[in-house]
């Protein structure tokens, strides 16, 4: 047997092993549990997300506490306006978190051997790579979700009132119309800040896994209480959100398709323009709503995710650390 044929055989064997580690039952369970947990959590706290998006996109809307913003929107546009765009958001979130959780856990099972220890740096790396892959795959869905959420909104900024935006009948119709009227590239508006913002879930997962391992070691148990999962998830998301919030403001404005000048500029120039036009505080406009919504959503998502995954593994009599 030649050296080349031996190399081909060993290479094929290695690829087969990697694929076996990637396409496993535990990875699928984590992906399904993460998707289900995120959908449930977003459904519960969606009005807060509506308030946050309005504050980030609508420059002239006054920054107020979240309950006041929600009450204002409900008064101007009706109570159901707080849930505008809910269904496509849930569909997109389900797809997005399935991709994210599958990729994150797939990377861990593929590149960590049984003797390798999980560390914060490894968690950060795997979470960032998973976040970048997720952004590249699902950004078009998030772009049209932002459009659907703002459709029919009562804007306080004249530029947005006068903007001629097509009417969208749903997720697929919005994807087709944005591509037709603005070009396919418009479906990836905000991709660069979104890629940078992959650091948000990266930091979130790093903090979450580190704090979870600490409590597992402290309490000498692999499965923690629902209350602890909730608290750990809240801590992790708070840290990640505070660190990356100004970039989230730029991301929302680019996805909205109502700041044409912003779409032609880089991230740094967008940040500079926001400060120049509206002051430094504009970089954190809506952060209260974002913190409340995202922290509660992340906390509830992690709690639901962990409980669903544990239930499935117990029911199937499967070891989640096995393949």
Protein backbone atom coordinates (compact mmCIF):
# COMPACT_ATOMS: atom_id res chain seq x y z
CA UNK A 1 0.00 0.00 0.00
CA UNK A 2 1.40 3.39 -0.99
CA UNK A 3 1.89 6.28 1.42
CA UNK A 4 -0.71 8.28 -0.56
CA UNK A 5 -3.37 5.60 -0.21
CA UNK A 6 -2.64 5.32 3.51
CA UNK A 7 -3.00 9.09 3.81
CA UNK A 8 -6.30 9.00 1.89
CA UNK A 9 -7.61 6.24 4.13
CA UNK A 10 -6.59 8.01 7.34
CA UNK A 11 -8.05 11.29 6.04
CA UNK A 12 -11.34 9.62 5.15
CA UNK A 13 -11.42 7.90 8.54
CA UNK A 14 -10.81 11.24 10.31
CA UNK A 15 -13.59 12.95 8.34
CA UNK A 16 -15.99 10.10 9.12
CA UNK A 17 -15.15 10.38 12.83
CA UNK A 18 -15.72 14.15 12.80
CA UNK A 19 -19.07 13.70 11.05
CA UNK A 20 -20.08 11.03 13.57
CA UNK A 21 -19.31 13.45 16.41
CA UNK A 22 -21.16 16.29 14.69
CA UNK A 23 -24.36 14.44 13.77
CA UNK A 24 -25.31 13.01 17.15
CA UNK A 25 -28.48 12.68 19.19
CA UNK A 26 -27.21 14.93 22.05
CA UNK A 27 -26.39 17.74 19.59
CA UNK A 28 -29.91 17.49 18.13
CA UNK A 29 -31.46 17.54 21.62
CA UNK A 30 -29.48 20.66 22.58
CA UNK A 31 -30.53 22.38 19.33
CA UNK A 32 -34.23 21.53 19.74
CA UNK A 33 -34.18 22.49 23.44
CA UNK A 34 -32.42 25.80 22.72
CA UNK A 35 -34.86 26.64 19.92
CA UNK A 36 -37.91 25.77 22.05
CA UNK A 37 -36.58 27.67 25.07
CA UNK A 38 -35.87 30.82 23.06
CA UNK A 39 -39.30 30.79 21.37
CA UNK A 40 -41.11 30.41 24.70
CA UNK A 41 -39.05 33.15 26.36
CA UNK A 42 -39.50 35.60 23.46
CA UNK A 43 -43.26 34.98 23.39
CA UNK A 44 -43.50 35.92 27.08
CA UNK A 45 -41.44 39.14 26.85
CA UNK A 46 -42.09 40.27 23.26
CA UNK A 47 -43.67 43.71 24.09
CA UNK A 48 -40.38 44.74 25.70
CA UNK A 49 -38.57 43.89 22.46
CA UNK A 50 -41.05 46.06 20.54
CA UNK A 51 -40.34 49.00 22.86
CA UNK A 52 -36.59 48.48 22.51
CA UNK A 53 -36.70 48.43 18.69
CA UNK A 54 -38.76 51.64 18.52
CA UNK A 55 -36.36 53.49 20.80
CA UNK A 56 -33.32 52.35 18.82
CA UNK A 57 -34.73 53.21 15.37
CA UNK A 58 -36.94 56.27 15.99
CA UNK A 59 -34.56 59.15 16.81
CA UNK A 60 -37.30 61.60 17.85
CA UNK A 61 -39.12 59.22 20.20
CA UNK A 62 -38.28 60.29 23.74
CA UNK A 63 -36.38 57.80 25.87
CA UNK A 64 -38.69 56.72 28.69
CA UNK A 65 -38.98 53.76 31.01
CA UNK A 66 -40.12 50.59 29.26
CA UNK A 67 -43.67 50.45 30.71
CA UNK A 68 -44.26 54.07 29.60
CA UNK A 69 -43.01 53.36 26.06
CA UNK A 70 -45.23 50.28 25.82
CA UNK A 71 -48.22 52.25 27.13
CA UNK A 72 -47.51 55.03 24.62
CA UNK A 73 -47.33 52.59 21.68
CA UNK A 74 -50.52 50.82 22.81
CA UNK A 75 -52.35 54.17 23.13
CA UNK A 76 -51.23 55.44 19.71
CA UNK A 77 -51.58 52.21 17.73
CA UNK A 78 -53.61 49.79 19.81
CA UNK A 79 -52.65 47.02 22.24
CA UNK A 80 -51.99 44.45 19.51
CA UNK A 81 -49.28 46.71 18.03
CA UNK A 82 -47.03 45.54 20.89
CA UNK A 83 -47.15 42.10 19.26
CA UNK A 84 -46.68 43.27 15.67
CA UNK A 85 -44.40 40.87 13.79
CA UNK A 86 -44.53 38.25 16.59
CA UNK A 87 -45.04 35.15 14.41
CA UNK A 88 -42.16 35.79 11.97
CA UNK A 89 -39.90 36.68 14.91
CA UNK A 90 -40.71 33.37 16.61
CA UNK A 91 -40.11 31.44 13.37
CA UNK A 92 -36.79 33.23 12.82
CA UNK A 93 -35.74 32.86 16.44
CA UNK A 94 -36.51 29.14 16.30
CA UNK A 95 -34.34 28.72 13.18
CA UNK A 96 -31.60 30.98 14.53
CA UNK A 97 -31.27 29.26 17.90
CA UNK A 98 -31.47 25.79 16.37
CA UNK A 99 -28.48 26.72 14.17
CA UNK A 100 -26.65 28.35 17.09
CA UNK A 101 -27.13 25.61 19.68
CA UNK A 102 -26.42 22.82 17.19
CA UNK A 103 -23.24 24.53 15.97
CA UNK A 104 -22.04 25.40 19.49
CA UNK A 105 -22.57 21.91 20.90
CA UNK A 106 -21.36 20.32 17.65
CA UNK A 107 -18.07 22.20 17.88
CA UNK A 108 -17.66 21.15 21.52
CA UNK A 109 -18.27 17.44 20.83
CA UNK A 110 -16.16 17.49 17.67
CA UNK A 111 -13.08 19.30 18.97
CA UNK A 112 -13.08 18.41 22.68
CA UNK A 113 -11.95 14.89 23.51
CA UNK A 114 -13.15 13.01 26.60
CA UNK A 115 -10.04 14.08 28.53
CA UNK A 116 -10.15 17.74 27.48
CA UNK A 117 -11.40 20.16 30.12
CA UNK A 118 -13.87 22.89 29.20
CA UNK A 119 -12.43 26.34 29.85
CA UNK A 120 -13.80 29.90 29.49
CA UNK A 121 -11.50 30.52 26.50
CA UNK A 122 -12.74 27.39 24.71
CA UNK A 123 -16.36 28.32 25.52
CA UNK A 124 -15.74 31.84 24.15
CA UNK A 125 -14.15 30.51 20.96
CA UNK A 126 -16.84 27.92 20.20
CA UNK A 127 -19.61 30.41 20.99
CA UNK A 128 -18.08 33.08 18.74
CA UNK A 129 -17.66 30.70 15.78
CA UNK A 130 -21.23 29.46 16.28
CA UNK A 131 -22.41 33.06 16.42
CA UNK A 132 -20.68 34.03 13.17
CA UNK A 133 -22.12 30.99 11.34
CA UNK A 134 -25.55 31.81 12.73
CA UNK A 135 -25.29 35.47 11.60
CA UNK A 136 -24.29 34.56 8.06
CA UNK A 137 -27.13 32.04 7.73
CA UNK A 138 -29.99 33.92 9.42
CA UNK A 139 -29.34 37.68 8.90
CA UNK A 140 -31.87 37.92 5.99
CA UNK A 141 -34.59 36.62 8.32
CA UNK A 142 -33.71 39.19 10.99
CA UNK A 143 -33.62 42.04 8.43
CA UNK A 144 -37.18 41.34 7.26
CA UNK A 145 -38.30 40.77 10.86
CA UNK A 146 -37.24 44.29 11.75
CA UNK A 147 -39.17 45.59 8.70
CA UNK A 148 -42.31 43.63 9.68
CA UNK A 149 -42.08 44.80 13.28
CA UNK A 150 -41.92 48.47 12.18
CA UNK A 151 -44.61 48.18 9.48
CA UNK A 152 -47.49 50.50 10.34
CA UNK A 153 -45.61 51.98 13.29
CA UNK A 154 -46.35 55.57 14.33
CA UNK A 155 -42.91 57.19 13.94
CA UNK A 156 -41.92 60.45 15.62
CA UNK A 157 -39.07 61.08 13.14
CA UNK A 158 -40.14 62.91 9.94
CA UNK A 159 -37.61 61.04 7.79
CA UNK A 160 -39.22 57.73 8.75
CA UNK A 161 -42.76 59.02 8.23
CA UNK A 162 -41.93 60.02 4.66
CA UNK A 163 -39.93 56.90 3.81
CA UNK A 164 -41.54 54.87 1.02
CA UNK A 165 -41.38 51.27 2.19
CA UNK A 166 -43.29 48.43 0.47
CA UNK A 167 -46.08 46.66 2.34
CA UNK A 168 -45.08 43.17 3.38
CA UNK A 169 -47.58 40.32 3.72
CA UNK A 170 -45.29 38.02 5.66
CA UNK A 171 -41.80 36.60 6.01
CA UNK A 172 -41.44 35.15 2.49
CA UNK A 173 -43.10 38.16 0.83
CA UNK A 174 -40.76 40.52 2.72
CA UNK A 175 -37.68 38.51 1.69
CA UNK A 176 -38.72 38.64 -1.97
CA UNK A 177 -39.63 42.36 -1.94
CA UNK A 178 -36.45 43.50 -0.18
CA UNK A 179 -34.38 41.48 -2.66
CA UNK A 180 -36.38 42.84 -5.64
CA UNK A 181 -36.51 46.53 -4.63
CA UNK A 182 -33.19 46.95 -2.80
CA UNK A 183 -31.03 44.13 -4.12
CA UNK A 184 -30.09 40.80 -2.55
CA UNK A 185 -27.25 42.46 -0.62
CA UNK A 186 -29.86 44.44 1.36
CA UNK A 187 -30.92 41.18 3.01
CA UNK A 188 -27.55 41.19 4.73
CA UNK A 189 -27.78 44.82 5.96
CA UNK A 190 -26.18 45.06 9.37
CA UNK A 191 -24.13 41.88 8.86
CA UNK A 192 -20.83 43.48 9.91
CA UNK A 193 -22.11 44.78 13.26
CA UNK A 194 -23.96 41.45 13.63
CA UNK A 195 -20.71 39.54 13.15
CA UNK A 196 -19.03 41.81 15.69
CA UNK A 197 -22.06 41.26 17.90
CA UNK A 198 -21.41 37.53 17.79
CA UNK A 199 -19.23 38.56 20.73
CA UNK A 200 -22.49 39.13 22.66
CA UNK A 201 -23.62 35.48 22.81
CA UNK A 202 -19.94 34.49 23.03
CA UNK A 203 -19.49 36.51 26.23
CA UNK A 204 -22.93 35.35 27.38
CA UNK A 205 -22.10 31.64 26.91
CA UNK A 206 -18.62 32.03 28.40
CA UNK A 207 -20.02 33.65 31.57
CA UNK A 208 -22.97 31.22 31.67
CA UNK A 209 -20.83 28.08 31.34
CA UNK A 210 -18.21 29.35 33.81
CA UNK A 211 -20.79 30.27 36.48
CA UNK A 212 -22.75 27.04 35.85
CA UNK A 213 -19.61 24.92 36.28
CA UNK A 214 -18.84 26.82 39.50
CA UNK A 215 -22.24 25.99 41.00
CA UNK A 216 -22.10 22.40 39.73
CA UNK A 217 -18.76 21.98 41.48
CA UNK A 218 -19.94 23.81 44.61
CA UNK A 219 -23.18 21.79 44.92
CA UNK A 220 -21.62 18.56 43.56
CA UNK A 221 -24.41 17.98 41.03
CA UNK A 222 -24.66 18.19 37.22
CA UNK A 223 -28.29 19.34 37.18
CA UNK A 224 -29.01 22.60 39.01
CA UNK A 225 -32.35 24.00 40.12
CA UNK A 226 -34.55 26.01 37.77
CA UNK A 227 -34.02 29.09 39.94
CA UNK A 228 -30.22 28.83 39.63
CA UNK A 229 -30.38 28.36 35.85
CA UNK A 230 -32.58 31.49 35.69
CA UNK A 231 -30.17 33.57 37.80
CA UNK A 232 -27.05 32.36 35.96
CA UNK A 233 -28.68 33.11 32.59
CA UNK A 234 -29.64 36.60 33.79
CA UNK A 235 -26.11 37.36 34.99
CA UNK A 236 -24.55 36.16 31.74
CA UNK A 237 -26.88 38.18 29.52
CA UNK A 238 -26.50 41.36 31.61
CA UNK A 239 -22.72 41.31 31.20
CA UNK A 240 -22.94 40.63 27.44
CA UNK A 241 -25.61 43.29 26.78
CA UNK A 242 -23.91 46.14 28.64
CA UNK A 243 -20.62 45.47 26.81
CA UNK A 244 -22.11 45.38 23.28
CA UNK A 245 -25.19 47.63 23.37
CA UNK A 246 -24.00 50.55 21.15
CA UNK A 247 -23.37 48.06 18.34
CA UNK A 248 -26.92 46.74 18.77
CA UNK A 249 -28.25 50.26 18.17
CA UNK A 250 -26.32 50.45 14.86
CA UNK A 251 -27.52 46.94 13.94
CA UNK A 252 -31.21 47.83 14.46
CA UNK A 253 -30.91 51.05 12.43
CA UNK A 254 -29.27 49.23 9.50
CA UNK A 255 -31.85 46.43 9.51
CA UNK A 256 -34.74 48.90 9.59
CA UNK A 257 -33.91 50.22 6.11
CA UNK A 258 -34.90 53.76 7.08
CA UNK A 259 -31.44 55.25 7.60
CA UNK A 260 -30.11 55.29 4.03
CA UNK A 261 -27.01 57.28 4.96
CA UNK A 262 -26.15 54.74 7.68
CA UNK A 263 -26.24 51.85 5.20
CA UNK A 264 -23.39 53.43 3.22
CA UNK A 265 -21.08 53.87 6.21
CA UNK A 266 -18.97 51.69 8.46
CA UNK A 267 -19.71 50.82 12.07
CA UNK A 268 -17.41 53.45 13.56
CA UNK A 269 -18.81 56.26 11.39
CA UNK A 270 -22.36 55.25 12.34
CA UNK A 271 -21.46 55.44 16.01
CA UNK A 272 -19.85 58.87 15.47
CA UNK A 273 -22.92 60.17 13.58
CA UNK A 274 -25.32 58.96 16.26
CA UNK A 275 -23.30 60.78 18.94
CA UNK A 276 -22.98 63.94 16.78
CA UNK A 277 -26.70 64.08 15.95
CA UNK A 278 -28.25 62.91 19.21
CA UNK A 279 -25.55 62.83 21.90
CA UNK A 280 -23.71 60.00 23.65
CA UNK A 281 -26.89 58.94 25.43
CA UNK A 282 -28.33 57.89 22.05
CA UNK A 283 -25.85 54.99 21.99
CA UNK A 284 -27.67 53.59 25.01
CA UNK A 285 -31.20 54.63 24.06
CA UNK A 286 -33.57 51.79 24.81
CA UNK A 287 -30.99 49.91 26.88
CA UNK A 288 -33.34 49.72 29.86
CA UNK A 289 -35.95 48.01 27.68
CA UNK A 290 -33.25 45.84 26.12
CA UNK A 291 -31.78 44.87 29.49
CA UNK A 292 -35.14 44.00 31.01
CA UNK A 293 -36.30 42.14 27.89
CA UNK A 294 -33.06 40.40 26.97
CA UNK A 295 -32.03 39.49 30.52
CA UNK A 296 -35.44 38.06 31.40
CA UNK A 297 -35.70 36.36 28.00
CA UNK A 298 -32.20 34.85 28.25
CA UNK A 299 -32.77 33.73 31.83
CA UNK A 300 -36.09 32.06 30.95
CA UNK A 301 -34.58 30.62 27.76
CA UNK A 302 -31.66 28.98 29.60
CA UNK A 303 -33.99 27.62 32.30
CA UNK A 304 -36.35 26.13 29.67
CA UNK A 305 -33.45 24.87 27.54
CA UNK A 306 -31.76 23.07 30.44
CA UNK A 307 -35.01 21.52 31.71
CA UNK A 308 -36.17 20.35 28.25
CA UNK A 309 -32.75 18.85 27.46
CA UNK A 310 -32.55 17.11 30.86
CA UNK A 311 -36.11 15.76 30.46
CA UNK A 312 -35.40 14.34 26.98
CA UNK A 313 -32.11 12.74 28.05
CA UNK A 314 -33.76 11.18 31.13
CA UNK A 315 -36.77 9.96 29.12
CA UNK A 316 -34.58 8.41 26.41
CA UNK A 317 -32.16 6.99 28.99
CA UNK A 318 -29.34 8.70 27.13
CA UNK A 319 -26.06 10.01 28.50
CA UNK A 320 -25.77 13.63 27.21
CA UNK A 321 -21.98 13.37 27.33
CA UNK A 322 -21.96 10.36 25.11
CA UNK A 323 -22.26 10.14 21.34
